[in-house]
N, C-alpha and C. Protein backbone atom coordinates (compact mmCIF):
# COMPACT_ATOMS: atom_id res chain seq x y z
N UNK A 1 -235.47 304.71 95.16
CA UNK A 1 -235.77 303.35 94.73
C UNK A 1 -235.21 302.36 95.73
N UNK A 2 -235.83 301.21 95.76
CA UNK A 2 -235.41 300.13 96.63
C UNK A 2 -235.19 298.88 95.79
N UNK A 3 -234.60 297.87 96.41
CA UNK A 3 -234.41 296.58 95.74
C UNK A 3 -235.42 295.59 96.29
N UNK A 4 -235.93 294.75 95.38
CA UNK A 4 -236.91 293.74 95.75
C UNK A 4 -236.54 292.41 95.12
N UNK A 5 -236.80 291.34 95.86
CA UNK A 5 -236.55 289.98 95.37
C UNK A 5 -237.89 289.28 95.16
N UNK A 6 -238.03 288.67 93.98
CA UNK A 6 -239.22 287.84 93.73
C UNK A 6 -238.90 286.43 94.18
N UNK A 7 -239.73 285.92 95.08
CA UNK A 7 -239.47 284.62 95.71
C UNK A 7 -240.56 283.63 95.34
N UNK A 8 -240.12 282.43 94.92
CA UNK A 8 -241.03 281.31 94.67
C UNK A 8 -240.50 280.11 95.43
N UNK A 9 -241.34 279.49 96.24
CA UNK A 9 -240.95 278.31 97.02
C UNK A 9 -239.65 278.56 97.79
N UNK A 10 -239.55 279.74 98.39
CA UNK A 10 -238.41 280.15 99.23
C UNK A 10 -237.13 280.42 98.46
N UNK A 11 -237.16 280.38 97.13
CA UNK A 11 -235.96 280.62 96.33
C UNK A 11 -236.12 281.92 95.54
N UNK A 12 -235.09 282.76 95.60
CA UNK A 12 -235.11 284.04 94.88
C UNK A 12 -234.98 283.78 93.39
N UNK A 13 -235.95 284.30 92.62
CA UNK A 13 -235.99 284.13 91.17
C UNK A 13 -235.46 285.36 90.43
N UNK A 14 -235.72 286.55 90.97
CA UNK A 14 -235.31 287.81 90.36
C UNK A 14 -235.02 288.81 91.46
N UNK A 15 -234.16 289.78 91.16
CA UNK A 15 -233.91 290.92 92.04
C UNK A 15 -233.92 292.16 91.15
N UNK A 16 -234.76 293.13 91.52
CA UNK A 16 -234.86 294.35 90.72
C UNK A 16 -234.84 295.59 91.62
N UNK A 17 -234.52 296.72 91.00
CA UNK A 17 -234.62 298.01 91.66
C UNK A 17 -235.91 298.65 91.16
N UNK A 18 -236.78 299.06 92.10
CA UNK A 18 -238.07 299.61 91.70
C UNK A 18 -238.68 300.40 92.85
N UNK A 19 -239.70 301.16 92.49
CA UNK A 19 -240.49 301.87 93.50
C UNK A 19 -241.51 300.89 94.08
N UNK A 20 -241.87 301.11 95.34
CA UNK A 20 -242.87 300.26 95.98
C UNK A 20 -244.18 300.26 95.20
N UNK A 21 -244.54 301.41 94.62
CA UNK A 21 -245.79 301.50 93.85
C UNK A 21 -245.79 300.55 92.65
N UNK A 22 -244.61 300.33 92.03
CA UNK A 22 -244.51 299.37 90.92
C UNK A 22 -244.64 297.95 91.44
N UNK A 23 -243.94 297.64 92.53
CA UNK A 23 -243.99 296.29 93.11
C UNK A 23 -245.41 295.92 93.49
N UNK A 24 -246.16 296.91 93.98
CA UNK A 24 -247.54 296.65 94.39
C UNK A 24 -248.42 296.19 93.23
N UNK A 25 -248.00 296.44 91.99
CA UNK A 25 -248.79 296.03 90.81
C UNK A 25 -248.34 294.69 90.24
N UNK A 26 -247.30 294.09 90.80
CA UNK A 26 -246.73 292.88 90.25
C UNK A 26 -247.30 291.62 90.90
N UNK A 27 -247.41 290.57 90.10
CA UNK A 27 -247.85 289.28 90.62
C UNK A 27 -246.70 288.63 91.38
N UNK A 28 -247.03 287.73 92.25
CA UNK A 28 -246.02 286.98 92.98
C UNK A 28 -245.66 287.62 94.31
N UNK A 29 -244.70 287.00 94.94
CA UNK A 29 -244.23 287.47 96.25
C UNK A 29 -242.94 288.25 96.05
N UNK A 30 -242.97 289.52 96.42
CA UNK A 30 -241.81 290.40 96.32
C UNK A 30 -241.43 290.85 97.72
N UNK A 31 -240.15 290.70 98.05
CA UNK A 31 -239.67 291.03 99.39
C UNK A 31 -238.51 292.02 99.25
N UNK A 32 -238.58 293.09 100.01
CA UNK A 32 -237.54 294.11 99.93
C UNK A 32 -236.22 293.56 100.47
N UNK A 33 -235.12 293.97 99.82
CA UNK A 33 -233.78 293.57 100.22
C UNK A 33 -232.89 294.81 100.16
N UNK A 34 -231.82 294.82 100.92
CA UNK A 34 -230.95 295.98 100.99
C UNK A 34 -229.60 295.69 100.36
N UNK A 35 -229.26 296.49 99.34
CA UNK A 35 -227.98 296.36 98.65
C UNK A 35 -226.81 296.59 99.61
N UNK A 36 -227.04 297.31 100.68
CA UNK A 36 -225.99 297.66 101.64
C UNK A 36 -225.88 296.70 102.82
N UNK A 37 -226.60 295.60 102.79
CA UNK A 37 -226.59 294.67 103.91
C UNK A 37 -225.85 293.38 103.55
N UNK A 38 -224.86 293.04 104.39
CA UNK A 38 -224.10 291.79 104.24
C UNK A 38 -223.76 291.26 105.62
N UNK A 39 -224.03 290.00 105.84
CA UNK A 39 -223.67 289.37 107.10
C UNK A 39 -224.31 289.99 108.31
N UNK A 40 -225.53 290.51 108.13
CA UNK A 40 -226.26 291.10 109.24
C UNK A 40 -225.78 292.50 109.63
N UNK A 41 -224.99 293.13 108.76
CA UNK A 41 -224.46 294.47 109.01
C UNK A 41 -224.81 295.38 107.84
N UNK A 42 -225.18 296.62 108.14
CA UNK A 42 -225.47 297.61 107.10
C UNK A 42 -224.21 298.42 106.86
N UNK A 43 -223.84 298.58 105.58
CA UNK A 43 -222.64 299.31 105.18
C UNK A 43 -223.01 300.59 104.45
N UNK A 44 -222.22 301.62 104.67
CA UNK A 44 -222.42 302.90 104.00
C UNK A 44 -221.74 302.92 102.64
N UNK A 45 -221.83 304.05 101.93
CA UNK A 45 -221.22 304.19 100.60
C UNK A 45 -219.70 303.98 100.61
N UNK A 46 -219.07 304.20 101.76
CA UNK A 46 -217.62 304.03 101.86
C UNK A 46 -217.23 302.58 102.13
N UNK A 47 -218.22 301.67 102.22
CA UNK A 47 -217.95 300.26 102.45
C UNK A 47 -217.70 299.90 103.90
N UNK A 48 -217.93 300.84 104.80
CA UNK A 48 -217.72 300.61 106.23
C UNK A 48 -219.07 300.52 106.95
N UNK A 49 -219.15 299.70 108.01
CA UNK A 49 -220.39 299.64 108.78
C UNK A 49 -220.81 301.05 109.22
N UNK A 50 -222.10 301.35 109.05
CA UNK A 50 -222.56 302.70 109.37
C UNK A 50 -223.66 302.74 110.42
N UNK A 51 -223.99 301.60 111.00
CA UNK A 51 -225.02 301.58 112.03
C UNK A 51 -226.44 301.60 111.50
N UNK A 52 -226.60 301.55 110.18
CA UNK A 52 -227.94 301.52 109.58
C UNK A 52 -228.63 300.19 109.83
N UNK A 53 -229.88 300.12 109.45
CA UNK A 53 -230.66 298.90 109.64
C UNK A 53 -230.23 297.84 108.63
N UNK A 54 -229.81 296.69 109.14
CA UNK A 54 -229.40 295.56 108.29
C UNK A 54 -230.66 294.77 107.93
N UNK A 55 -231.19 295.05 106.75
CA UNK A 55 -232.45 294.45 106.32
C UNK A 55 -232.27 293.02 105.83
N UNK A 56 -232.85 292.08 106.54
CA UNK A 56 -232.91 290.67 106.15
C UNK A 56 -231.54 290.02 105.99
N UNK A 57 -230.58 290.44 106.78
CA UNK A 57 -229.25 289.81 106.94
C UNK A 57 -228.32 289.94 105.74
N UNK A 58 -228.81 289.71 104.52
CA UNK A 58 -227.96 289.76 103.33
C UNK A 58 -228.76 290.27 102.15
N UNK A 59 -228.06 290.93 101.22
CA UNK A 59 -228.69 291.33 99.96
C UNK A 59 -229.05 290.06 99.20
N UNK A 60 -230.27 289.98 98.71
CA UNK A 60 -230.73 288.79 97.99
C UNK A 60 -230.04 288.68 96.64
N UNK A 61 -229.85 287.46 96.20
CA UNK A 61 -229.32 287.17 94.88
C UNK A 61 -230.13 286.05 94.27
N UNK A 62 -230.13 285.94 92.96
CA UNK A 62 -230.85 284.86 92.30
C UNK A 62 -230.27 283.54 92.79
N UNK A 63 -231.15 282.64 93.19
CA UNK A 63 -230.75 281.35 93.73
C UNK A 63 -230.59 281.35 95.24
N UNK A 64 -230.66 282.51 95.87
CA UNK A 64 -230.60 282.59 97.33
C UNK A 64 -231.89 282.03 97.92
N UNK A 65 -231.84 281.71 99.18
CA UNK A 65 -233.00 281.25 99.93
C UNK A 65 -233.57 282.40 100.75
N UNK A 66 -234.89 282.48 100.78
CA UNK A 66 -235.56 283.40 101.70
C UNK A 66 -236.15 282.54 102.80
N UNK A 67 -235.68 282.74 104.01
CA UNK A 67 -236.17 282.03 105.20
C UNK A 67 -237.22 282.92 105.84
N UNK A 68 -238.50 282.58 105.64
CA UNK A 68 -239.58 283.42 106.14
C UNK A 68 -239.71 283.36 107.66
N UNK A 69 -239.28 282.29 108.28
CA UNK A 69 -239.35 282.18 109.74
C UNK A 69 -238.41 283.20 110.39
N UNK A 70 -237.19 283.29 109.86
CA UNK A 70 -236.20 284.22 110.40
C UNK A 70 -236.16 285.55 109.65
N UNK A 71 -236.92 285.66 108.55
CA UNK A 71 -237.00 286.85 107.71
C UNK A 71 -235.62 287.29 107.23
N UNK A 72 -234.89 286.33 106.61
CA UNK A 72 -233.53 286.59 106.13
C UNK A 72 -233.33 285.95 104.75
N UNK A 73 -232.34 286.51 104.03
CA UNK A 73 -231.86 285.91 102.79
C UNK A 73 -230.48 285.33 103.05
N UNK A 74 -230.19 284.18 102.41
CA UNK A 74 -228.83 283.65 102.47
C UNK A 74 -228.53 282.89 101.18
N UNK A 75 -227.22 282.83 100.86
CA UNK A 75 -226.77 282.22 99.62
C UNK A 75 -226.83 280.71 99.64
N UNK A 76 -226.58 280.10 98.47
CA UNK A 76 -226.56 278.63 98.38
C UNK A 76 -225.44 278.04 99.23
N UNK A 77 -225.67 276.87 99.75
CA UNK A 77 -224.67 276.19 100.57
C UNK A 77 -223.49 275.79 99.69
N UNK A 78 -222.27 276.26 100.02
CA UNK A 78 -221.12 275.98 99.15
C UNK A 78 -220.62 274.53 99.25
N UNK A 79 -220.73 273.92 100.42
CA UNK A 79 -220.29 272.54 100.63
C UNK A 79 -221.25 271.87 101.62
N UNK A 80 -221.46 270.56 101.50
CA UNK A 80 -222.40 269.88 102.39
C UNK A 80 -222.06 270.00 103.88
N UNK A 81 -220.79 270.13 104.22
CA UNK A 81 -220.40 270.17 105.63
C UNK A 81 -220.54 271.56 106.26
N UNK A 82 -220.75 272.59 105.45
CA UNK A 82 -220.81 273.94 105.99
C UNK A 82 -222.17 274.20 106.65
N UNK A 83 -222.15 275.04 107.68
CA UNK A 83 -223.36 275.35 108.43
C UNK A 83 -223.68 276.85 108.35
N UNK A 84 -224.92 277.15 108.61
CA UNK A 84 -225.35 278.55 108.59
C UNK A 84 -226.13 278.84 109.87
N UNK A 85 -225.95 280.06 110.37
CA UNK A 85 -226.68 280.46 111.57
C UNK A 85 -226.67 281.98 111.66
N UNK A 86 -227.58 282.49 112.48
CA UNK A 86 -227.63 283.93 112.70
C UNK A 86 -226.54 284.34 113.66
N UNK A 87 -226.20 285.60 113.73
CA UNK A 87 -226.91 286.70 113.10
C UNK A 87 -226.41 287.03 111.69
N UNK A 88 -225.33 286.37 111.22
CA UNK A 88 -224.78 286.74 109.91
C UNK A 88 -225.51 286.07 108.75
N UNK A 89 -225.98 284.85 108.94
CA UNK A 89 -226.61 284.07 107.88
C UNK A 89 -225.67 283.92 106.68
N UNK A 90 -224.39 283.68 107.00
CA UNK A 90 -223.37 283.38 106.01
C UNK A 90 -222.85 281.98 106.32
N UNK A 91 -222.70 281.16 105.29
CA UNK A 91 -222.22 279.79 105.47
C UNK A 91 -220.82 279.78 106.07
N UNK A 92 -220.61 278.88 107.04
CA UNK A 92 -219.31 278.77 107.71
C UNK A 92 -218.79 277.34 107.60
N UNK A 93 -217.49 277.23 107.35
CA UNK A 93 -216.86 275.91 107.33
C UNK A 93 -216.84 275.36 108.75
N UNK A 94 -216.82 274.02 108.89
CA UNK A 94 -216.77 273.44 110.24
C UNK A 94 -215.42 273.66 110.93
N UNK A 95 -214.43 274.11 110.16
CA UNK A 95 -213.10 274.41 110.68
C UNK A 95 -212.79 275.86 110.28
N UNK A 96 -212.38 276.70 111.21
CA UNK A 96 -212.10 278.10 110.86
C UNK A 96 -210.99 278.23 109.82
N UNK A 97 -211.10 279.26 109.00
CA UNK A 97 -210.08 279.56 108.00
C UNK A 97 -208.78 279.93 108.72
N UNK A 98 -207.64 279.37 108.30
CA UNK A 98 -206.36 279.68 108.95
C UNK A 98 -206.04 281.18 108.89
N UNK A 99 -205.38 281.66 109.90
CA UNK A 99 -205.06 283.09 109.99
C UNK A 99 -203.56 283.35 109.87
N UNK A 100 -202.85 282.46 109.16
CA UNK A 100 -201.39 282.61 109.05
C UNK A 100 -200.96 283.44 107.85
N UNK A 101 -201.93 284.03 107.13
CA UNK A 101 -201.59 284.88 106.00
C UNK A 101 -201.47 284.16 104.67
N UNK A 102 -201.50 282.84 104.67
CA UNK A 102 -201.44 282.08 103.42
C UNK A 102 -202.84 281.97 102.83
N UNK A 103 -202.90 281.55 101.55
CA UNK A 103 -204.19 281.32 100.89
C UNK A 103 -204.53 279.84 100.95
N UNK A 104 -205.81 279.56 101.14
CA UNK A 104 -206.28 278.18 101.26
C UNK A 104 -207.54 277.98 100.44
N UNK A 105 -207.80 276.72 100.12
CA UNK A 105 -209.09 276.34 99.53
C UNK A 105 -209.67 275.23 100.40
N UNK A 106 -210.98 275.12 100.36
CA UNK A 106 -211.66 274.12 101.16
C UNK A 106 -211.62 272.77 100.45
N UNK A 107 -211.29 271.71 101.19
CA UNK A 107 -211.31 270.34 100.66
C UNK A 107 -212.41 269.59 101.39
N UNK A 108 -213.51 269.37 100.71
CA UNK A 108 -214.67 268.73 101.33
C UNK A 108 -214.38 267.29 101.71
N UNK A 109 -213.55 266.59 100.94
CA UNK A 109 -213.26 265.18 101.24
C UNK A 109 -212.60 265.01 102.61
N UNK A 110 -211.69 265.93 102.96
CA UNK A 110 -211.01 265.85 104.25
C UNK A 110 -211.59 266.82 105.27
N UNK A 111 -212.53 267.63 104.81
CA UNK A 111 -213.15 268.67 105.65
C UNK A 111 -212.08 269.52 106.33
N UNK A 112 -211.17 270.02 105.48
CA UNK A 112 -210.07 270.86 105.98
C UNK A 112 -209.65 271.87 104.92
N UNK A 113 -208.90 272.88 105.37
CA UNK A 113 -208.34 273.89 104.47
C UNK A 113 -207.01 273.40 103.95
N UNK A 114 -206.80 273.51 102.65
CA UNK A 114 -205.57 273.05 101.99
C UNK A 114 -204.87 274.28 101.42
N UNK A 115 -203.59 274.42 101.73
CA UNK A 115 -202.82 275.57 101.24
C UNK A 115 -202.74 275.54 99.73
N UNK A 116 -202.79 276.71 99.11
CA UNK A 116 -202.66 276.82 97.66
C UNK A 116 -201.20 276.95 97.28
C-alpha cells in the first residue's frame, strides 16, 4: 500500500493509505506521498537516512500545500517572517536557531529566538 493526498486548490484535504487501483476509482486529484520522506530525505524503518527516493520533499498532511510547479508538499507557514525553499521545503526562521544547548521559542514581534 501507498499513501495518497487528496488536493483541492493546492491544499491537502485528506491523506489515506490505499492501493493505486482504489485511488484510480476516486474523484478528485490524488497525489502519492511518502510516509518516510521528510525535508527532502528518505528515512528507513530505523529512522535514519537510507538513500531511498525522497518523494515530493515531505509527507503530506491535512492543511499542507502541494506545489505543482516544484512537485512538493510543505506544511503551513508557522510565522509570517519565515521562508521556505528547496531542497528541504521546510520553513526556516530568518535567524538560525541558537546552538548553545538551551531551549528557545520564536518571537515574531522581534524576529528573534527568546530563551525559555
